[in-house]
Amino acid sequence: MSFCGTGGLWHSSLIDRNLITAFVPFLPMERKHVKLCIEDDLRYKNREVTEHVVNQVADVLPYYPPNVKLFAASGCKRVSQKVDLMLDNDEL
């Protein structure tokens, strides 16, 4: 069963040679989803999870569009690094 649509790879040689048989669409992560990742990372590091700490880390991550800051520019990829940075700087 193929879910190929009319996306950017539709006429690609990868598709023509049957190397990709399905596309899995995704939506960008919103701030609320990133905050869940921050909470998970703090728990993993045995740190206290508070709304203040979660918001402090979430505030330093990039979002778009710049005027609304609705979607995370890098999803949860940078969360652990930002938590570490803030822990190292004693900002949490």
C-alpha atoms as a PDB file:
ATOM      1  CA  MET A   1       0.000   0.000   0.000  1.00  0.00           C
ATOM      2  CA  SER A   2       1.505   3.306  -1.033  1.00  0.00           C
ATOM      3  CA  PHE A   3       0.678   6.668   0.461  1.00  0.00           C
ATOM      4  CA  CYS A   4       2.643   8.673  -2.081  1.00  0.00           C
ATOM      5  CA  GLY A   5       1.129  12.044  -2.727  1.00  0.00           C
ATOM      6  CA  THR A   6       2.115  15.037  -4.742  1.00  0.00           C
ATOM      7  CA  GLY A   7       4.839  16.211  -2.361  1.00  0.00           C
ATOM      8  CA  GLY A   8       8.387  17.211  -3.228  1.00  0.00           C
ATOM      9  CA  LEU A   9       9.561  13.649  -3.897  1.00  0.00           C
ATOM     10  CA  TRP A  10       6.645  12.674  -6.117  1.00  0.00           C
ATOM     11  CA  HIS A  11       8.708  12.552  -9.352  1.00  0.00           C
ATOM     12  CA  SER A  12      11.979  11.632  -7.666  1.00  0.00           C
ATOM     13  CA  SER A  13      14.110   8.715  -8.813  1.00  0.00           C
ATOM     14  CA  LEU A  14      13.745   7.346  -5.274  1.00  0.00           C
ATOM     15  CA  ILE A  15      10.051   6.917  -5.947  1.00  0.00           C
ATOM     16  CA  ASP A  16      10.555   5.658  -9.511  1.00  0.00           C
ATOM     17  CA  ARG A  17      12.896   2.921  -8.283  1.00  0.00           C
ATOM     18  CA  ASN A  18      10.503   1.991  -5.441  1.00  0.00           C
ATOM     19  CA  LEU A  19      13.059   2.855  -2.755  1.00  0.00           C
ATOM     20  CA  ILE A  20      10.434   4.918  -0.924  1.00  0.00           C
ATOM     21  CA  THR A  21       6.988   3.408  -0.803  1.00  0.00           C
ATOM     22  CA  ALA A  22       5.226   5.619   1.711  1.00  0.00           C
ATOM     23  CA  PHE A  23       5.247   9.191   2.932  1.00  0.00           C
ATOM     24  CA  VAL A  24       4.552   9.915   6.589  1.00  0.00           C
ATOM     25  CA  PRO A  25       3.271  13.471   6.919  1.00  0.00           C
ATOM     26  CA  PHE A  26       4.039  15.458  10.041  1.00  0.00           C
ATOM     27  CA  LEU A  27       2.991  18.766  11.446  1.00  0.00           C
ATOM     28  CA  PRO A  28       5.353  21.188  13.137  1.00  0.00           C
ATOM     29  CA  MET A  29       5.391  21.049  16.910  1.00  0.00           C
ATOM     30  CA  GLU A  30       3.697  23.774  18.878  1.00  0.00           C
ATOM     31  CA  ARG A  31       5.113  25.299  22.043  1.00  0.00           C
ATOM     32  CA  LYS A  32       2.865  23.108  24.208  1.00  0.00           C
ATOM     33  CA  HIS A  33       4.416  19.989  22.653  1.00  0.00           C
ATOM     34  CA  VAL A  34       7.943  21.294  23.181  1.00  0.00           C
ATOM     35  CA  LYS A  35       7.100  21.936  26.829  1.00  0.00           C
ATOM     36  CA  LEU A  36       6.215  18.249  27.175  1.00  0.00           C
ATOM     37  CA  CYS A  37       9.654  17.370  25.803  1.00  0.00           C
ATOM     38  CA  ILE A  38      11.255  19.737  28.314  1.00  0.00           C
ATOM     39  CA  GLU A  39       9.354  18.074  31.144  1.00  0.00           C
ATOM     40  CA  ASP A  40      10.483  14.638  29.955  1.00  0.00           C
ATOM     41  CA  ASP A  41      14.092  15.761  29.712  1.00  0.00           C
ATOM     42  CA  LEU A  42      14.042  17.264  33.201  1.00  0.00           C
ATOM     43  CA  ARG A  43      12.569  14.047  34.621  1.00  0.00           C
ATOM     44  CA  TYR A  44      15.195  11.996  32.782  1.00  0.00           C
ATOM     45  CA  LYS A  45      17.870  14.159  34.422  1.00  0.00           C
ATOM     46  CA  ASN A  46      16.204  13.802  37.841  1.00  0.00           C
ATOM     47  CA  ARG A  47      15.465  17.508  38.044  1.00  0.00           C
ATOM     48  CA  GLU A  48      12.392  19.154  39.511  1.00  0.00           C
ATOM     49  CA  VAL A  49       9.734  19.955  36.934  1.00  0.00           C
ATOM     50  CA  THR A  50       8.001  23.254  37.556  1.00  0.00           C
ATOM     51  CA  GLU A  51       6.052  25.534  35.256  1.00  0.00           C
ATOM     52  CA  HIS A  52       8.654  28.249  35.805  1.00  0.00           C
ATOM     53  CA  VAL A  53      11.546  26.007  34.743  1.00  0.00           C
ATOM     54  CA  VAL A  54       9.678  24.619  31.730  1.00  0.00           C
ATOM     55  CA  ASN A  55       8.744  28.117  30.550  1.00  0.00           C
ATOM     56  CA  GLN A  56      12.276  29.375  31.090  1.00  0.00           C
ATOM     57  CA  VAL A  57      13.706  26.694  28.789  1.00  0.00           C
ATOM     58  CA  ALA A  58      10.861  27.053  26.284  1.00  0.00           C
ATOM     59  CA  ASP A  59      11.476  30.802  26.070  1.00  0.00           C
ATOM     60  CA  VAL A  60      15.039  30.384  24.777  1.00  0.00           C
ATOM     61  CA  LEU A  61      14.085  28.033  21.937  1.00  0.00           C
ATOM     62  CA  PRO A  62      13.410  29.456  18.446  1.00  0.00           C
ATOM     63  CA  TYR A  63       9.841  29.586  17.130  1.00  0.00           C
ATOM     64  CA  TYR A  64       8.185  30.723  13.925  1.00  0.00           C
ATOM     65  CA  PRO A  65       6.635  32.765  12.535  1.00  0.00           C
ATOM     66  CA  PRO A  66       8.655  35.329  14.490  1.00  0.00           C
ATOM     67  CA  ASN A  67       5.725  37.598  15.253  1.00  0.00           C
ATOM     68  CA  VAL A  68       3.506  34.779  16.579  1.00  0.00           C
ATOM     69  CA  LYS A  69       6.058  32.168  17.739  1.00  0.00           C
ATOM     70  CA  LEU A  70       3.586  29.341  17.290  1.00  0.00           C
ATOM     71  CA  PHE A  71       5.729  26.482  15.945  1.00  0.00           C
ATOM     72  CA  ALA A  72       9.076  25.237  17.226  1.00  0.00           C
ATOM     73  CA  ALA A  73      11.798  25.761  14.626  1.00  0.00           C
ATOM     74  CA  SER A  74      13.604  22.553  15.628  1.00  0.00           C
ATOM     75  CA  GLY A  75      10.927  20.571  17.422  1.00  0.00           C
ATOM     76  CA  CYS A  76      12.423  18.814  20.444  1.00  0.00           C
ATOM     77  CA  LYS A  77      15.879  18.368  18.926  1.00  0.00           C
ATOM     78  CA  ARG A  78      17.476  21.182  20.909  1.00  0.00           C
ATOM     79  CA  VAL A  79      15.574  20.727  24.174  1.00  0.00           C
ATOM     80  CA  SER A  80      18.127  18.564  25.968  1.00  0.00           C
ATOM     81  CA  GLN A  81      20.969  20.881  24.963  1.00  0.00           C
ATOM     82  CA  LYS A  82      19.093  23.944  26.216  1.00  0.00           C
ATOM     83  CA  VAL A  83      18.222  22.235  29.497  1.00  0.00           C
ATOM     84  CA  ASP A  84      21.898  21.286  29.949  1.00  0.00           C
ATOM     85  CA  LEU A  85      23.013  24.801  29.125  1.00  0.00           C
ATOM     86  CA  MET A  86      20.651  26.316  31.639  1.00  0.00           C
ATOM     87  CA  LEU A  87      21.602  23.723  34.285  1.00  0.00           C
ATOM     88  CA  ASP A  88      25.301  24.467  33.700  1.00  0.00           C
ATOM     89  CA  ASN A  89      24.656  28.192  34.045  1.00  0.00           C
ATOM     90  CA  ASP A  90      22.555  27.642  37.178  1.00  0.00           C
ATOM     91  CA  GLU A  91      19.669  29.413  35.494  1.00  0.00           C
ATOM     92  CA  LEU A  92      17.188  26.771  36.570  1.00  0.00           C
END
